[in-house]
Amino acid sequence: MNKTFFLNREIILIKHFKGAPGLRSFGIGPYFLPCKGLYKLKILLDNNTSWAKNRKIKDLKDCLANSDVIVSLWSNNKILGFGRALSDGTYRSVLWDIVIDHNHQGKGYGKLIVNAILESKRIKQSEKVYLMTSNQKDFYCQIGFQEVLSQNLLIKKYLN
């Protein structure tokens, strides 16, 4: 279910329906109004990440359609932050694509997004929640995640 939380006059946190159909299909942002939200999400990822640059709109639509929990943070019609998660609802969940606009980091928005995801029923029921990060380990440790040195990250890449 889409739920909108007004954090103050300017900042709005949206917990999207599973698959984010409004954002994905109609570009809906704050106040349930079309605002080219999907294109704004692409720009947020392009401008604020190295790992999510140049994602295609079609692929973003597929990614959202298959995500269990999706959260976005807005100021007026500008997207400031985003995050999503996948889960089996029992044993494992994984957080993905947690991004805050560089101009708005250090204001607690990342913590808001992560906590909104972690508080969702599907994620909260999981035995373990995983995430991977390239350069924000300290941030995630501050909000309760622990570094695990006894496991190895393995990746199999497919050529697109």
C-alpha atoms as a PDB file:
ATOM      1  CA  MET A   1       0.000   0.000   0.000  1.00  0.00           C
ATOM      2  CA  ASN A   2       1.257   3.489  -0.802  1.00  0.00           C
ATOM      3  CA  LYS A   3       1.643   5.386   2.433  1.00  0.00           C
ATOM      4  CA  THR A   4       2.831   8.957   2.541  1.00  0.00           C
ATOM      5  CA  PHE A   5       4.515  10.428   5.604  1.00  0.00           C
ATOM      6  CA  PHE A   6       5.021  14.171   5.869  1.00  0.00           C
ATOM      7  CA  LEU A   7       8.227  14.550   7.832  1.00  0.00           C
ATOM      8  CA  ASN A   8       7.906  18.322   7.740  1.00  0.00           C
ATOM      9  CA  ARG A   9       6.468  20.858   5.314  1.00  0.00           C
ATOM     10  CA  GLU A  10       8.986  20.024   2.635  1.00  0.00           C
ATOM     11  CA  ILE A  11      10.074  16.402   3.112  1.00  0.00           C
ATOM     12  CA  ILE A  12       7.793  13.503   2.171  1.00  0.00           C
ATOM     13  CA  LEU A  13       8.576   9.797   2.628  1.00  0.00           C
ATOM     14  CA  ILE A  14       6.600   7.416   0.431  1.00  0.00           C
ATOM     15  CA  LYS A  15       6.280   3.702   1.151  1.00  0.00           C
ATOM     16  CA  HIS A  16       5.173   2.415  -2.235  1.00  0.00           C
ATOM     17  CA  PHE A  17       2.912  -0.519  -2.998  1.00  0.00           C
ATOM     18  CA  LYS A  18       4.833  -3.729  -3.738  1.00  0.00           C
ATOM     19  CA  GLY A  19       6.316  -3.272  -7.220  1.00  0.00           C
ATOM     20  CA  ALA A  20       5.696   0.505  -7.062  1.00  0.00           C
ATOM     21  CA  PRO A  21       3.070   0.459  -9.855  1.00  0.00           C
ATOM     22  CA  GLY A  22       2.340   4.182  -9.587  1.00  0.00           C
ATOM     23  CA  LEU A  23       5.987   5.215  -9.788  1.00  0.00           C
ATOM     24  CA  ARG A  24       6.827   2.540 -12.355  1.00  0.00           C
ATOM     25  CA  SER A  25       3.897   2.976 -14.754  1.00  0.00           C
ATOM     26  CA  PHE A  26       2.733   6.552 -14.300  1.00  0.00           C
ATOM     27  CA  GLY A  27       5.714   8.384 -12.789  1.00  0.00           C
ATOM     28  CA  ILE A  28       3.669   9.264  -9.722  1.00  0.00           C
ATOM     29  CA  GLY A  29       5.508  11.066  -6.932  1.00  0.00           C
ATOM     30  CA  PRO A  30       4.322  13.065  -3.930  1.00  0.00           C
ATOM     31  CA  TYR A  31       0.605  13.800  -3.526  1.00  0.00           C
ATOM     32  CA  PHE A  32      -0.146  10.956  -5.999  1.00  0.00           C
ATOM     33  CA  LEU A  33       0.530  13.306  -8.905  1.00  0.00           C
ATOM     34  CA  PRO A  34       2.462  12.439 -12.070  1.00  0.00           C
ATOM     35  CA  CYS A  35       5.891  14.103 -11.950  1.00  0.00           C
ATOM     36  CA  LYS A  36       8.057  11.913 -14.206  1.00  0.00           C
ATOM     37  CA  GLY A  37       9.142  10.110 -11.045  1.00  0.00           C
ATOM     38  CA  LEU A  38      10.767   7.191 -12.814  1.00  0.00           C
ATOM     39  CA  TYR A  39      12.954   9.540 -14.870  1.00  0.00           C
ATOM     40  CA  LYS A  40      13.815  11.473 -11.714  1.00  0.00           C
ATOM     41  CA  LEU A  41      14.821   8.201 -10.056  1.00  0.00           C
ATOM     42  CA  LYS A  42      17.125   7.454 -12.996  1.00  0.00           C
ATOM     43  CA  ILE A  43      18.729  10.899 -12.647  1.00  0.00           C
ATOM     44  CA  LEU A  44      19.177  10.374  -8.880  1.00  0.00           C
ATOM     45  CA  LEU A  45      20.964   7.074  -9.543  1.00  0.00           C
ATOM     46  CA  ASP A  46      23.047   8.515 -12.407  1.00  0.00           C
ATOM     47  CA  ASN A  47      24.178  11.550 -10.417  1.00  0.00           C
ATOM     48  CA  ASN A  48      24.786   9.944  -7.044  1.00  0.00           C
ATOM     49  CA  THR A  49      26.165   6.440  -7.617  1.00  0.00           C
ATOM     50  CA  SER A  50      28.932   4.731  -9.503  1.00  0.00           C
ATOM     51  CA  TRP A  51      27.224   1.322  -9.432  1.00  0.00           C
ATOM     52  CA  ALA A  52      23.810   2.362 -10.777  1.00  0.00           C
ATOM     53  CA  LYS A  53      24.800   4.814 -13.506  1.00  0.00           C
ATOM     54  CA  ASN A  54      23.202   4.459 -16.899  1.00  0.00           C
ATOM     55  CA  ARG A  55      20.447   2.071 -15.924  1.00  0.00           C
ATOM     56  CA  LYS A  56      17.797   1.928 -18.601  1.00  0.00           C
ATOM     57  CA  ILE A  57      14.219   3.009 -17.855  1.00  0.00           C
ATOM     58  CA  LYS A  58      12.920  -0.380 -18.978  1.00  0.00           C
ATOM     59  CA  ASP A  59      15.306  -2.135 -16.583  1.00  0.00           C
ATOM     60  CA  LEU A  60      14.334   0.196 -13.728  1.00  0.00           C
ATOM     61  CA  LYS A  61      10.684  -0.682 -14.364  1.00  0.00           C
ATOM     62  CA  ASP A  62      11.525  -4.396 -14.187  1.00  0.00           C
ATOM     63  CA  CYS A  63      13.626  -3.886 -11.055  1.00  0.00           C
ATOM     64  CA  LEU A  64      10.788  -2.047  -9.289  1.00  0.00           C
ATOM     65  CA  ALA A  65       8.166  -4.542 -10.461  1.00  0.00           C
ATOM     66  CA  ASN A  66      10.115  -7.338  -8.787  1.00  0.00           C
ATOM     67  CA  SER A  67      10.935  -5.516  -5.539  1.00  0.00           C
ATOM     68  CA  ASP A  68       9.018  -6.256  -2.355  1.00  0.00           C
ATOM     69  CA  VAL A  69       9.613  -3.001  -0.484  1.00  0.00           C
ATOM     70  CA  ILE A  70      10.250   0.379  -2.127  1.00  0.00           C
ATOM     71  CA  VAL A  71      10.707   3.703  -0.357  1.00  0.00           C
ATOM     72  CA  SER A  72      11.347   7.139  -1.826  1.00  0.00           C
ATOM     73  CA  LEU A  73      12.012  10.529  -0.228  1.00  0.00           C
ATOM     74  CA  TRP A  74      10.871  13.751  -1.867  1.00  0.00           C
ATOM     75  CA  SER A  75      11.017  17.506  -1.466  1.00  0.00           C
ATOM     76  CA  ASN A  76       8.288  19.039  -3.582  1.00  0.00           C
ATOM     77  CA  ASN A  77       8.713  17.174  -6.888  1.00  0.00           C
ATOM     78  CA  LYS A  78      12.435  16.422  -6.466  1.00  0.00           C
ATOM     79  CA  ILE A  79      13.480  12.947  -5.367  1.00  0.00           C
ATOM     80  CA  LEU A  80      16.088  13.160  -2.603  1.00  0.00           C
ATOM     81  CA  GLY A  81      16.450   9.493  -1.733  1.00  0.00           C
ATOM     82  CA  PHE A  82      15.472   5.965  -2.586  1.00  0.00           C
ATOM     83  CA  GLY A  83      15.810   2.398  -1.356  1.00  0.00           C
ATOM     84  CA  ARG A  84      14.345  -1.026  -2.016  1.00  0.00           C
ATOM     85  CA  ALA A  85      14.465  -4.578  -0.700  1.00  0.00           C
ATOM     86  CA  LEU A  86      13.733  -8.158  -1.688  1.00  0.00           C
ATOM     87  CA  SER A  87      12.627 -10.827   0.755  1.00  0.00           C
ATOM     88  CA  ASP A  88      11.367 -14.379   1.101  1.00  0.00           C
ATOM     89  CA  GLY A  89       9.431 -13.103   4.131  1.00  0.00           C
ATOM     90  CA  THR A  90      10.879 -15.689   6.500  1.00  0.00           C
ATOM     91  CA  TYR A  91      14.600 -16.286   6.342  1.00  0.00           C
ATOM     92  CA  ARG A  92      16.369 -13.704   4.224  1.00  0.00           C
ATOM     93  CA  SER A  93      15.964 -10.150   2.998  1.00  0.00           C
ATOM     94  CA  VAL A  94      18.387  -7.977   1.046  1.00  0.00           C
ATOM     95  CA  LEU A  95      18.496  -4.194   0.899  1.00  0.00           C
ATOM     96  CA  TRP A  96      19.387  -2.687  -2.473  1.00  0.00           C
ATOM     97  CA  ASP A  97      19.976   0.705  -4.053  1.00  0.00           C
ATOM     98  CA  ILE A  98      19.971   2.893  -0.947  1.00  0.00           C
ATOM     99  CA  VAL A  99      20.759   6.332  -2.371  1.00  0.00           C
ATOM    100  CA  ILE A 100      20.619   9.886  -1.016  1.00  0.00           C
ATOM    101  CA  ASP A 101      21.286  12.902  -3.214  1.00  0.00           C
ATOM    102  CA  HIS A 102      24.811  14.191  -2.443  1.00  0.00           C
ATOM    103  CA  ASN A 103      23.407  17.633  -1.591  1.00  0.00           C
ATOM    104  CA  HIS A 104      21.201  16.137   1.128  1.00  0.00           C
ATOM    105  CA  GLN A 105      23.529  13.663   2.824  1.00  0.00           C
ATOM    106  CA  GLY A 106      24.239  14.067   6.516  1.00  0.00           C
ATOM    107  CA  LYS A 107      20.655  15.104   7.334  1.00  0.00           C
ATOM    108  CA  GLY A 108      19.449  11.707   8.548  1.00  0.00           C
ATOM    109  CA  TYR A 109      17.598  10.852   5.326  1.00  0.00           C
ATOM    110  CA  GLY A 110      19.522   7.640   4.719  1.00  0.00           C
ATOM    111  CA  LYS A 111      18.586   6.422   8.185  1.00  0.00           C
ATOM    112  CA  LEU A 112      14.926   7.307   7.512  1.00  0.00           C
ATOM    113  CA  ILE A 113      14.903   5.267   4.312  1.00  0.00           C
ATOM    114  CA  VAL A 114      16.688   2.257   5.809  1.00  0.00           C
ATOM    115  CA  ASN A 115      14.447   2.278   8.897  1.00  0.00           C
ATOM    116  CA  ALA A 116      11.299   2.554   6.758  1.00  0.00           C
ATOM    117  CA  ILE A 117      12.426  -0.522   4.823  1.00  0.00           C
ATOM    118  CA  LEU A 118      13.403  -2.449   7.958  1.00  0.00           C
ATOM    119  CA  GLU A 119      10.053  -1.648   9.621  1.00  0.00           C
ATOM    120  CA  SER A 120       8.026  -3.067   6.743  1.00  0.00           C
ATOM    121  CA  LYS A 121       6.223  -6.279   7.651  1.00  0.00           C
ATOM    122  CA  ARG A 122       7.907  -8.404   4.983  1.00  0.00           C
ATOM    123  CA  ILE A 123      11.428  -7.395   6.034  1.00  0.00           C
ATOM    124  CA  LYS A 124      10.719  -7.360   9.772  1.00  0.00           C
ATOM    125  CA  GLN A 125       9.712 -11.030   9.643  1.00  0.00           C
ATOM    126  CA  SER A 126      13.063 -12.110   8.189  1.00  0.00           C
ATOM    127  CA  GLU A 127      15.623 -13.933  10.275  1.00  0.00           C
ATOM    128  CA  LYS A 128      18.495 -12.005   8.623  1.00  0.00           C
ATOM    129  CA  VAL A 129      18.773  -8.837   6.539  1.00  0.00           C
ATOM    130  CA  TYR A 130      21.743  -8.491   4.196  1.00  0.00           C
ATOM    131  CA  LEU A 131      23.229  -5.564   2.350  1.00  0.00           C
ATOM    132  CA  MET A 132      26.354  -4.824   0.391  1.00  0.00           C
ATOM    133  CA  THR A 133      28.108  -1.488   0.318  1.00  0.00           C
ATOM    134  CA  SER A 134      31.195  -0.153  -1.391  1.00  0.00           C
ATOM    135  CA  ASN A 135      31.936   2.857   0.776  1.00  0.00           C
ATOM    136  CA  GLN A 136      29.263   3.365   3.448  1.00  0.00           C
ATOM    137  CA  LYS A 137      30.142   0.601   5.915  1.00  0.00           C
ATOM    138  CA  ASP A 138      30.431   3.017   8.851  1.00  0.00           C
ATOM    139  CA  PHE A 139      26.968   4.449   8.170  1.00  0.00           C
ATOM    140  CA  TYR A 140      25.338   1.014   8.197  1.00  0.00           C
ATOM    141  CA  CYS A 141      27.237  -0.061  11.324  1.00  0.00           C
ATOM    142  CA  GLN A 142      25.910   3.058  13.105  1.00  0.00           C
ATOM    143  CA  ILE A 143      22.344   1.912  12.462  1.00  0.00           C
ATOM    144  CA  GLY A 144      22.774  -1.650  13.666  1.00  0.00           C
ATOM    145  CA  PHE A 145      24.330  -3.675  10.854  1.00  0.00           C
ATOM    146  CA  GLN A 146      27.424  -5.716  11.621  1.00  0.00           C
ATOM    147  CA  GLU A 147      30.339  -6.488   9.357  1.00  0.00           C
ATOM    148  CA  VAL A 148      30.666 -10.236   8.771  1.00  0.00           C
ATOM    149  CA  LEU A 149      34.188 -11.368   8.036  1.00  0.00           C
ATOM    150  CA  SER A 150      33.425 -15.088   8.198  1.00  0.00           C
ATOM    151  CA  GLN A 151      31.564 -15.048   4.872  1.00  0.00           C
ATOM    152  CA  ASN A 152      32.727 -14.342   1.349  1.00  0.00           C
ATOM    153  CA  LEU A 153      30.879 -12.361  -1.267  1.00  0.00           C
ATOM    154  CA  LEU A 154      30.766 -14.241  -4.559  1.00  0.00           C
ATOM    155  CA  ILE A 155      29.383 -12.794  -7.772  1.00  0.00           C
ATOM    156  CA  LYS A 156      28.487 -14.389 -11.085  1.00  0.00           C
ATOM    157  CA  LYS A 157      28.171 -11.797 -13.835  1.00  0.00           C
ATOM    158  CA  TYR A 158      26.118 -12.281 -16.950  1.00  0.00           C
ATOM    159  CA  LEU A 159      26.806 -10.314 -20.091  1.00  0.00           C
ATOM    160  CA  ASN A 160      23.784  -8.288 -21.158  1.00  0.00           C
END
